[in-house]
Amino acid sequence: MQDGSLADAPTTILRVAEFSHLVAFPIFYEIEIPADISPALSYSLLARITKDEKLLYTNEEYISVQIQADSSTKIDIPVIDVNLSLNIFI
């Protein structure tokens, strides 16, 4: 989860979920939203799946997170195979 509220500034990473030894999709996980963040700001999710520090999958669309008091929300993050998308242009 990242905060992208400041224009012309890098995003600030607020939460990270890391997993190892994954063998299949989909991957289910939970991220706890910090209690001290403002619902008025702009937050998003980013998925990066790597192996041996090589990027394999990532999302290519903006995944917005709406902050609401005491709520649990399911958010799907579609990812693309980076190697397949690179092969299209070769």
PDB file of N, CA and C in Angstrom:
ATOM      1  N   MET A   1       0.853  -1.161   0.000  1.00  0.00           N
ATOM      2  CA  MET A   1       0.000   0.000   0.000  1.00  0.00           C
ATOM      3  C   MET A   1       0.903   1.229   0.000  1.00  0.00           C
ATOM      4  N   GLN A   2       0.527   2.192  -0.834  1.00  0.00           N
ATOM      5  CA  GLN A   2       1.355   3.381  -0.948  1.00  0.00           C
ATOM      6  C   GLN A   2       0.503   4.642  -0.944  1.00  0.00           C
ATOM      7  N   ASP A   3       1.116   5.721  -0.474  1.00  0.00           N
ATOM      8  CA  ASP A   3       0.473   7.037  -0.425  1.00  0.00           C
ATOM      9  C   ASP A   3       0.994   7.838  -1.600  1.00  0.00           C
ATOM     10  N   GLY A   4       0.091   8.219  -2.502  1.00  0.00           N
ATOM     11  CA  GLY A   4       0.483   9.007  -3.661  1.00  0.00           C
ATOM     12  C   GLY A   4      -0.175  10.375  -3.653  1.00  0.00           C
ATOM     13  N   SER A   5      -0.389  10.919  -2.482  1.00  0.00           N
ATOM     14  CA  SER A   5      -1.132  12.168  -2.323  1.00  0.00           C
ATOM     15  C   SER A   5      -0.380  13.410  -2.781  1.00  0.00           C
ATOM     16  N   LEU A   6       0.934  13.384  -2.700  1.00  0.00           N
ATOM     17  CA  LEU A   6       1.700  14.582  -3.037  1.00  0.00           C
ATOM     18  C   LEU A   6       2.024  14.622  -4.523  1.00  0.00           C
ATOM     19  N   ALA A   7       1.554  15.665  -5.182  1.00  0.00           N
ATOM     20  CA  ALA A   7       1.832  15.823  -6.609  1.00  0.00           C
ATOM     21  C   ALA A   7       3.325  16.052  -6.830  1.00  0.00           C
ATOM     22  N   ASP A   8       3.842  15.513  -7.921  1.00  0.00           N
ATOM     23  CA  ASP A   8       5.252  15.693  -8.289  1.00  0.00           C
ATOM     24  C   ASP A   8       6.219  15.209  -7.218  1.00  0.00           C
ATOM     25  N   ALA A   9       5.818  14.164  -6.479  1.00  0.00           N
ATOM     26  CA  ALA A   9       6.694  13.586  -5.458  1.00  0.00           C
ATOM     27  C   ALA A   9       6.561  12.065  -5.534  1.00  0.00           C
ATOM     28  N   PRO A  10       7.616  11.349  -5.184  1.00  0.00           N
ATOM     29  CA  PRO A  10       7.525   9.887  -5.178  1.00  0.00           C
ATOM     30  C   PRO A  10       6.490   9.412  -4.156  1.00  0.00           C
ATOM     31  N   THR A  11       5.907   8.245  -4.428  1.00  0.00           N
ATOM     32  CA  THR A  11       4.963   7.681  -3.468  1.00  0.00           C
ATOM     33  C   THR A  11       5.704   7.240  -2.208  1.00  0.00           C
ATOM     34  N   THR A  12       4.972   7.184  -1.106  1.00  0.00           N
ATOM     35  CA  THR A  12       5.511   6.703   0.160  1.00  0.00           C
ATOM     36  C   THR A  12       4.916   5.332   0.434  1.00  0.00           C
ATOM     37  N   ILE A  13       5.760   4.330   0.622  1.00  0.00           N
ATOM     38  CA  ILE A  13       5.293   2.983   0.913  1.00  0.00           C
ATOM     39  C   ILE A  13       4.838   2.931   2.368  1.00  0.00           C
ATOM     40  N   LEU A  14       3.591   2.501   2.577  1.00  0.00           N
ATOM     41  CA  LEU A  14       3.029   2.431   3.927  1.00  0.00           C
ATOM     42  C   LEU A  14       3.010   1.005   4.466  1.00  0.00           C
ATOM     43  N   ARG A  15       2.727   0.035   3.623  1.00  0.00           N
ATOM     44  CA  ARG A  15       2.656  -1.369   4.026  1.00  0.00           C
ATOM     45  C   ARG A  15       3.188  -2.244   2.898  1.00  0.00           C
ATOM     46  N   VAL A  16       3.852  -3.345   3.284  1.00  0.00           N
ATOM     47  CA  VAL A  16       4.378  -4.316   2.326  1.00  0.00           C
ATOM     48  C   VAL A  16       3.988  -5.706   2.803  1.00  0.00           C
ATOM     49  N   ALA A  17       3.553  -6.551   1.887  1.00  0.00           N
ATOM     50  CA  ALA A  17       3.293  -7.957   2.178  1.00  0.00           C
ATOM     51  C   ALA A  17       4.268  -8.775   1.339  1.00  0.00           C
ATOM     52  N   GLU A  18       5.062  -9.619   1.985  1.00  0.00           N
ATOM     53  CA  GLU A  18       6.039 -10.439   1.266  1.00  0.00           C
ATOM     54  C   GLU A  18       5.749 -11.905   1.529  1.00  0.00           C
ATOM     55  N   PHE A  19       5.855 -12.717   0.470  1.00  0.00           N
ATOM     56  CA  PHE A  19       5.599 -14.146   0.549  1.00  0.00           C
ATOM     57  C   PHE A  19       6.733 -14.874  -0.161  1.00  0.00           C
ATOM     58  N   SER A  20       6.926 -16.136   0.192  1.00  0.00           N
ATOM     59  CA  SER A  20       7.930 -16.940  -0.504  1.00  0.00           C
ATOM     60  C   SER A  20       7.343 -18.318  -0.799  1.00  0.00           C
ATOM     61  N   HIS A  21       7.956 -19.003  -1.749  1.00  0.00           N
ATOM     62  CA  HIS A  21       7.565 -20.362  -2.136  1.00  0.00           C
ATOM     63  C   HIS A  21       6.134 -20.431  -2.658  1.00  0.00           C
ATOM     64  N   LEU A  22       5.736 -19.450  -3.445  1.00  0.00           N
ATOM     65  CA  LEU A  22       4.405 -19.457  -4.049  1.00  0.00           C
ATOM     66  C   LEU A  22       4.421 -20.315  -5.299  1.00  0.00           C
ATOM     67  N   VAL A  23       3.337 -21.048  -5.518  1.00  0.00           N
ATOM     68  CA  VAL A  23       3.306 -21.945  -6.679  1.00  0.00           C
ATOM     69  C   VAL A  23       2.114 -21.724  -7.597  1.00  0.00           C
ATOM     70  N   ALA A  24       1.108 -20.956  -7.174  1.00  0.00           N
ATOM     71  CA  ALA A  24      -0.084 -20.787  -8.017  1.00  0.00           C
ATOM     72  C   ALA A  24      -0.803 -19.485  -7.695  1.00  0.00           C
ATOM     73  N   PHE A  25      -1.589 -19.029  -8.675  1.00  0.00           N
ATOM     74  CA  PHE A  25      -2.459 -17.876  -8.488  1.00  0.00           C
ATOM     75  C   PHE A  25      -3.876 -18.372  -8.309  1.00  0.00           C
ATOM     76  N   PRO A  26      -4.777 -17.643  -7.709  1.00  0.00           N
ATOM     77  CA  PRO A  26      -4.572 -16.339  -7.084  1.00  0.00           C
ATOM     78  C   PRO A  26      -3.883 -16.472  -5.729  1.00  0.00           C
ATOM     79  N   ILE A  27      -3.341 -15.367  -5.262  1.00  0.00           N
ATOM     80  CA  ILE A  27      -2.692 -15.288  -3.958  1.00  0.00           C
ATOM     81  C   ILE A  27      -3.591 -14.444  -3.067  1.00  0.00           C
ATOM     82  N   PHE A  28      -4.002 -15.008  -1.942  1.00  0.00           N
ATOM     83  CA  PHE A  28      -4.863 -14.275  -1.013  1.00  0.00           C
ATOM     84  C   PHE A  28      -4.022 -13.756   0.145  1.00  0.00           C
ATOM     85  N   TYR A  29      -4.225 -12.514   0.512  1.00  0.00           N
ATOM     86  CA  TYR A  29      -3.472 -11.915   1.605  1.00  0.00           C
ATOM     87  C   TYR A  29      -4.254 -10.755   2.187  1.00  0.00           C
ATOM     88  N   GLU A  30      -3.818 -10.291   3.323  1.00  0.00           N
ATOM     89  CA  GLU A  30      -4.433  -9.130   3.958  1.00  0.00           C
ATOM     90  C   GLU A  30      -3.364  -8.110   4.294  1.00  0.00           C
ATOM     91  N   ILE A  31      -3.725  -6.843   4.163  1.00  0.00           N
ATOM     92  CA  ILE A  31      -2.847  -5.749   4.571  1.00  0.00           C
ATOM     93  C   ILE A  31      -3.621  -4.917   5.582  1.00  0.00           C
ATOM     94  N   GLU A  32      -3.022  -4.717   6.737  1.00  0.00           N
ATOM     95  CA  GLU A  32      -3.652  -3.884   7.754  1.00  0.00           C
ATOM     96  C   GLU A  32      -3.421  -2.421   7.408  1.00  0.00           C
ATOM     97  N   ILE A  33      -4.503  -1.672   7.398  1.00  0.00           N
ATOM     98  CA  ILE A  33      -4.412  -0.251   7.080  1.00  0.00           C
ATOM     99  C   ILE A  33      -4.025   0.507   8.345  1.00  0.00           C
ATOM    100  N   PRO A  34      -2.981   1.325   8.289  1.00  0.00           N
ATOM    101  CA  PRO A  34      -2.556   2.072   9.470  1.00  0.00           C
ATOM    102  C   PRO A  34      -3.689   2.943  10.018  1.00  0.00           C
ATOM    103  N   ALA A  35      -3.801   3.016  11.322  1.00  0.00           N
ATOM    104  CA  ALA A  35      -4.887   3.771  11.965  1.00  0.00           C
ATOM    105  C   ALA A  35      -4.710   5.277  11.822  1.00  0.00           C
ATOM    106  N   ASP A  36      -3.490   5.727  11.585  1.00  0.00           N
ATOM    107  CA  ASP A  36      -3.232   7.167  11.583  1.00  0.00           C
ATOM    108  C   ASP A  36      -3.246   7.810  10.194  1.00  0.00           C
ATOM    109  N   ILE A  37      -3.805   7.140   9.185  1.00  0.00           N
ATOM    110  CA  ILE A  37      -3.844   7.758   7.857  1.00  0.00           C
ATOM    111  C   ILE A  37      -5.172   8.476   7.631  1.00  0.00           C
ATOM    112  N   SER A  38      -5.129   9.455   6.754  1.00  0.00           N
ATOM    113  CA  SER A  38      -6.295  10.296   6.489  1.00  0.00           C
ATOM    114  C   SER A  38      -7.110   9.744   5.324  1.00  0.00           C
ATOM    115  N   PRO A  39      -8.425   9.580   5.498  1.00  0.00           N
ATOM    116  CA  PRO A  39      -9.253   9.137   4.379  1.00  0.00           C
ATOM    117  C   PRO A  39      -9.356  10.184   3.264  1.00  0.00           C
ATOM    118  N   ALA A  40      -8.904  11.385   3.506  1.00  0.00           N
ATOM    119  CA  ALA A  40      -8.958  12.448   2.502  1.00  0.00           C
ATOM    120  C   ALA A  40      -7.819  12.348   1.481  1.00  0.00           C
ATOM    121  N   LEU A  41      -6.794  11.538   1.769  1.00  0.00           N
ATOM    122  CA  LEU A  41      -5.635  11.438   0.879  1.00  0.00           C
ATOM    123  C   LEU A  41      -5.814  10.303  -0.125  1.00  0.00           C
ATOM    124  N   SER A  42      -4.866  10.126  -1.019  1.00  0.00           N
ATOM    125  CA  SER A  42      -4.946   9.161  -2.112  1.00  0.00           C
ATOM    126  C   SER A  42      -3.996   7.984  -1.868  1.00  0.00           C
ATOM    127  N   TYR A  43      -4.572   6.776  -1.804  1.00  0.00           N
ATOM    128  CA  TYR A  43      -3.785   5.572  -1.542  1.00  0.00           C
ATOM    129  C   TYR A  43      -4.018   4.550  -2.653  1.00  0.00           C
ATOM    130  N   SER A  44      -3.009   3.717  -2.901  1.00  0.00           N
ATOM    131  CA  SER A  44      -3.133   2.708  -3.954  1.00  0.00           C
ATOM    132  C   SER A  44      -2.359   1.455  -3.586  1.00  0.00           C
ATOM    133  N   LEU A  45      -2.607   0.392  -4.356  1.00  0.00           N
ATOM    134  CA  LEU A  45      -1.904  -0.869  -4.186  1.00  0.00           C
ATOM    135  C   LEU A  45      -1.055  -1.138  -5.416  1.00  0.00           C
ATOM    136  N   LEU A  46       0.090  -1.746  -5.193  1.00  0.00           N
ATOM    137  CA  LEU A  46       1.004  -2.123  -6.260  1.00  0.00           C
ATOM    138  C   LEU A  46       1.414  -3.567  -6.015  1.00  0.00           C
ATOM    139  N   ALA A  47       1.332  -4.400  -7.049  1.00  0.00           N
ATOM    140  CA  ALA A  47       1.764  -5.798  -6.931  1.00  0.00           C
ATOM    141  C   ALA A  47       3.015  -6.006  -7.770  1.00  0.00           C
ATOM    142  N   ARG A  48       4.010  -6.617  -7.157  1.00  0.00           N
ATOM    143  CA  ARG A  48       5.241  -6.983  -7.859  1.00  0.00           C
ATOM    144  C   ARG A  48       5.576  -8.407  -7.442  1.00  0.00           C
ATOM    145  N   ILE A  49       5.689  -9.300  -8.402  1.00  0.00           N
ATOM    146  CA  ILE A  49       6.039 -10.695  -8.126  1.00  0.00           C
ATOM    147  C   ILE A  49       7.394 -10.938  -8.757  1.00  0.00           C
ATOM    148  N   THR A  50       8.350 -11.314  -7.917  1.00  0.00           N
ATOM    149  CA  THR A  50       9.728 -11.491  -8.371  1.00  0.00           C
ATOM    150  C   THR A  50      10.227 -12.892  -8.027  1.00  0.00           C
ATOM    151  N   LYS A  51      11.271 -13.302  -8.716  1.00  0.00           N
ATOM    152  CA  LYS A  51      11.994 -14.530  -8.387  1.00  0.00           C
ATOM    153  C   LYS A  51      13.463 -14.229  -8.570  1.00  0.00           C
ATOM    154  N   ASP A  52      14.235 -14.463  -7.525  1.00  0.00           N
ATOM    155  CA  ASP A  52      15.671 -14.163  -7.555  1.00  0.00           C
ATOM    156  C   ASP A  52      15.921 -12.722  -8.007  1.00  0.00           C
ATOM    157  N   GLU A  53      15.125 -11.805  -7.481  1.00  0.00           N
ATOM    158  CA  GLU A  53      15.211 -10.367  -7.745  1.00  0.00           C
ATOM    159  C   GLU A  53      14.865  -9.971  -9.184  1.00  0.00           C
ATOM    160  N   LYS A  54      14.322 -10.903  -9.983  1.00  0.00           N
ATOM    161  CA  LYS A  54      13.887 -10.598 -11.346  1.00  0.00           C
ATOM    162  C   LYS A  54      12.373 -10.418 -11.334  1.00  0.00           C
ATOM    163  N   LEU A  55      11.897  -9.302 -11.885  1.00  0.00           N
ATOM    164  CA  LEU A  55      10.470  -9.025 -11.948  1.00  0.00           C
ATOM    165  C   LEU A  55       9.807  -9.958 -12.954  1.00  0.00           C
ATOM    166  N   LEU A  56       8.767 -10.683 -12.491  1.00  0.00           N
ATOM    167  CA  LEU A  56       8.019 -11.587 -13.359  1.00  0.00           C
ATOM    168  C   LEU A  56       6.625 -11.052 -13.687  1.00  0.00           C
ATOM    169  N   TYR A  57       5.936 -10.525 -12.659  1.00  0.00           N
ATOM    170  CA  TYR A  57       4.573 -10.028 -12.823  1.00  0.00           C
ATOM    171  C   TYR A  57       4.426  -8.689 -12.106  1.00  0.00           C
ATOM    172  N   THR A  58       3.572  -7.844 -12.651  1.00  0.00           N
ATOM    173  CA  THR A  58       3.244  -6.586 -12.001  1.00  0.00           C
ATOM    174  C   THR A  58       1.870  -6.142 -12.470  1.00  0.00           C
ATOM    175  N   ASN A  59       1.257  -5.239 -11.719  1.00  0.00           N
ATOM    176  CA  ASN A  59       0.001  -4.661 -12.212  1.00  0.00           C
ATOM    177  C   ASN A  59       0.337  -3.439 -13.044  1.00  0.00           C
ATOM    178  N   GLU A  60      -0.481  -3.202 -14.074  1.00  0.00           N
ATOM    179  CA  GLU A  60      -0.233  -2.047 -14.926  1.00  0.00           C
ATOM    180  C   GLU A  60      -1.336  -1.006 -14.848  1.00  0.00           C
ATOM    181  N   GLU A  61      -2.293  -1.207 -13.961  1.00  0.00           N
ATOM    182  CA  GLU A  61      -3.333  -0.214 -13.776  1.00  0.00           C
ATOM    183  C   GLU A  61      -3.341   0.273 -12.332  1.00  0.00           C
ATOM    184  N   TYR A  62      -3.824   1.474 -12.145  1.00  0.00           N
ATOM    185  CA  TYR A  62      -3.890   2.091 -10.818  1.00  0.00           C
ATOM    186  C   TYR A  62      -4.980   1.404 -10.008  1.00  0.00           C
ATOM    187  N   ILE A  63      -4.635   0.922  -8.818  1.00  0.00           N
ATOM    188  CA  ILE A  63      -5.584   0.245  -7.932  1.00  0.00           C
ATOM    189  C   ILE A  63      -5.792   1.134  -6.712  1.00  0.00           C
ATOM    190  N   SER A  64      -6.897   1.845  -6.711  1.00  0.00           N
ATOM    191  CA  SER A  64      -7.205   2.791  -5.639  1.00  0.00           C
ATOM    192  C   SER A  64      -7.684   2.071  -4.380  1.00  0.00           C
ATOM    193  N   VAL A  65      -7.336   2.626  -3.223  1.00  0.00           N
ATOM    194  CA  VAL A  65      -7.802   2.109  -1.933  1.00  0.00           C
ATOM    195  C   VAL A  65      -8.630   3.204  -1.267  1.00  0.00           C
ATOM    196  N   GLN A  66      -9.890   2.916  -1.017  1.00  0.00           N
ATOM    197  CA  GLN A  66     -10.771   3.854  -0.323  1.00  0.00           C
ATOM    198  C   GLN A  66     -10.707   3.554   1.177  1.00  0.00           C
ATOM    199  N   ILE A  67     -10.332   4.538   1.964  1.00  0.00           N
ATOM    200  CA  ILE A  67     -10.201   4.362   3.416  1.00  0.00           C
ATOM    201  C   ILE A  67     -11.545   4.643   4.069  1.00  0.00           C
ATOM    202  N   GLN A  68     -12.046   3.627   4.783  1.00  0.00           N
ATOM    203  CA  GLN A  68     -13.309   3.760   5.517  1.00  0.00           C
ATOM    204  C   GLN A  68     -13.108   3.192   6.907  1.00  0.00           C
ATOM    205  N   ALA A  69     -13.751   3.793   7.881  1.00  0.00           N
ATOM    206  CA  ALA A  69     -13.614   3.350   9.268  1.00  0.00           C
ATOM    207  C   ALA A  69     -14.191   1.947   9.431  1.00  0.00           C
ATOM    208  N   ASP A  70     -13.453   1.109  10.127  1.00  0.00           N
ATOM    209  CA  ASP A  70     -13.897  -0.243  10.488  1.00  0.00           C
ATOM    210  C   ASP A  70     -14.471  -1.037   9.320  1.00  0.00           C
ATOM    211  N   SER A  71     -13.745  -1.093   8.205  1.00  0.00           N
ATOM    212  CA  SER A  71     -14.260  -1.881   7.088  1.00  0.00           C
ATOM    213  C   SER A  71     -13.180  -2.823   6.569  1.00  0.00           C
ATOM    214  N   SER A  72     -13.648  -3.917   6.025  1.00  0.00           N
ATOM    215  CA  SER A  72     -12.782  -4.879   5.373  1.00  0.00           C
ATOM    216  C   SER A  72     -13.245  -4.964   3.928  1.00  0.00           C
ATOM    217  N   THR A  73     -12.328  -4.773   2.990  1.00  0.00           N
ATOM    218  CA  THR A  73     -12.683  -4.722   1.585  1.00  0.00           C
ATOM    219  C   THR A  73     -11.811  -5.672   0.794  1.00  0.00           C
ATOM    220  N   LYS A  74     -12.425  -6.423  -0.109  1.00  0.00           N
ATOM    221  CA  LYS A  74     -11.676  -7.286  -1.018  1.00  0.00           C
ATOM    222  C   LYS A  74     -11.338  -6.461  -2.259  1.00  0.00           C
ATOM    223  N   ILE A  75     -10.074  -6.454  -2.628  1.00  0.00           N
ATOM    224  CA  ILE A  75      -9.627  -5.733  -3.824  1.00  0.00           C
ATOM    225  C   ILE A  75      -8.807  -6.697  -4.674  1.00  0.00           C
ATOM    226  N   ASP A  76      -9.213  -6.894  -5.904  1.00  0.00           N
ATOM    227  CA  ASP A  76      -8.445  -7.718  -6.837  1.00  0.00           C
ATOM    228  C   ASP A  76      -7.396  -6.848  -7.516  1.00  0.00           C
ATOM    229  N   ILE A  77      -6.191  -7.412  -7.677  1.00  0.00           N
ATOM    230  CA  ILE A  77      -5.117  -6.704  -8.364  1.00  0.00           C
ATOM    231  C   ILE A  77      -4.703  -7.558  -9.565  1.00  0.00           C
ATOM    232  N   PRO A  78      -5.209  -7.240 -10.758  1.00  0.00           N
ATOM    233  CA  PRO A  78      -4.797  -8.009 -11.931  1.00  0.00           C
ATOM    234  C   PRO A  78      -3.334  -7.728 -12.255  1.00  0.00           C
ATOM    235  N   VAL A  79      -2.595  -8.794 -12.582  1.00  0.00           N
ATOM    236  CA  VAL A  79      -1.177  -8.642 -12.926  1.00  0.00           C
ATOM    237  C   VAL A  79      -0.932  -9.164 -14.336  1.00  0.00           C
ATOM    238  N   ILE A  80       0.142  -8.675 -14.933  1.00  0.00           N
ATOM    239  CA  ILE A  80       0.551  -9.149 -16.252  1.00  0.00           C
ATOM    240  C   ILE A  80       1.917  -9.815 -16.138  1.00  0.00           C
ATOM    241  N   ASP A  81       2.162 -10.757 -17.017  1.00  0.00           N
ATOM    242  CA  ASP A  81       3.464 -11.412 -17.124  1.00  0.00           C
ATOM    243  C   ASP A  81       4.384 -10.456 -17.872  1.00  0.00           C
ATOM    244  N   VAL A  82       5.367  -9.909 -17.185  1.00  0.00           N
ATOM    245  CA  VAL A  82       6.265  -8.914 -17.772  1.00  0.00           C
ATOM    246  C   VAL A  82       7.019  -9.488 -18.962  1.00  0.00           C
ATOM    247  N   ASN A  83       7.429 -10.734 -18.893  1.00  0.00           N
ATOM    248  CA  ASN A  83       8.177 -11.336 -19.991  1.00  0.00           C
ATOM    249  C   ASN A  83       7.336 -11.507 -21.239  1.00  0.00           C
ATOM    250  N   LEU A  84       6.061 -11.866 -21.099  1.00  0.00           N
ATOM    251  CA  LEU A  84       5.190 -11.993 -22.267  1.00  0.00           C
ATOM    252  C   LEU A  84       4.934 -10.645 -22.917  1.00  0.00           C
ATOM    253  N   SER A  85       4.710  -9.632 -22.110  1.00  0.00           N
ATOM    254  CA  SER A  85       4.441  -8.318 -22.687  1.00  0.00           C
ATOM    255  C   SER A  85       5.681  -7.750 -23.381  1.00  0.00           C
ATOM    256  N   LEU A  86       6.866  -8.098 -22.908  1.00  0.00           N
ATOM    257  CA  LEU A  86       8.094  -7.656 -23.584  1.00  0.00           C
ATOM    258  C   LEU A  86       8.279  -8.365 -24.915  1.00  0.00           C
ATOM    259  N   ASN A  87       7.880  -9.630 -24.981  1.00  0.00           N
ATOM    260  CA  ASN A  87       8.057 -10.399 -26.208  1.00  0.00           C
ATOM    261  C   ASN A  87       7.201  -9.880 -27.352  1.00  0.00           C
ATOM    262  N   ILE A  88       6.119  -9.198 -27.045  1.00  0.00           N
ATOM    263  CA  ILE A  88       5.241  -8.651 -28.073  1.00  0.00           C
ATOM    264  C   ILE A  88       5.990  -7.628 -28.934  1.00  0.00           C
ATOM    265  N   PHE A  89       6.918  -6.910 -28.356  1.00  0.00           N
ATOM    266  CA  PHE A  89       7.602  -5.824 -29.043  1.00  0.00           C
ATOM    267  C   PHE A  89       8.940  -6.236 -29.636  1.00  0.00           C
ATOM    268  N   ILE A  90       9.297  -7.487 -29.537  1.00  0.00           N
ATOM    269  CA  ILE A  90      10.612  -7.937 -30.056  1.00  0.00           C
ATOM    270  C   ILE A  90      10.479  -8.432 -31.471  1.00  0.00           C
TER     271      ILE A  90
END
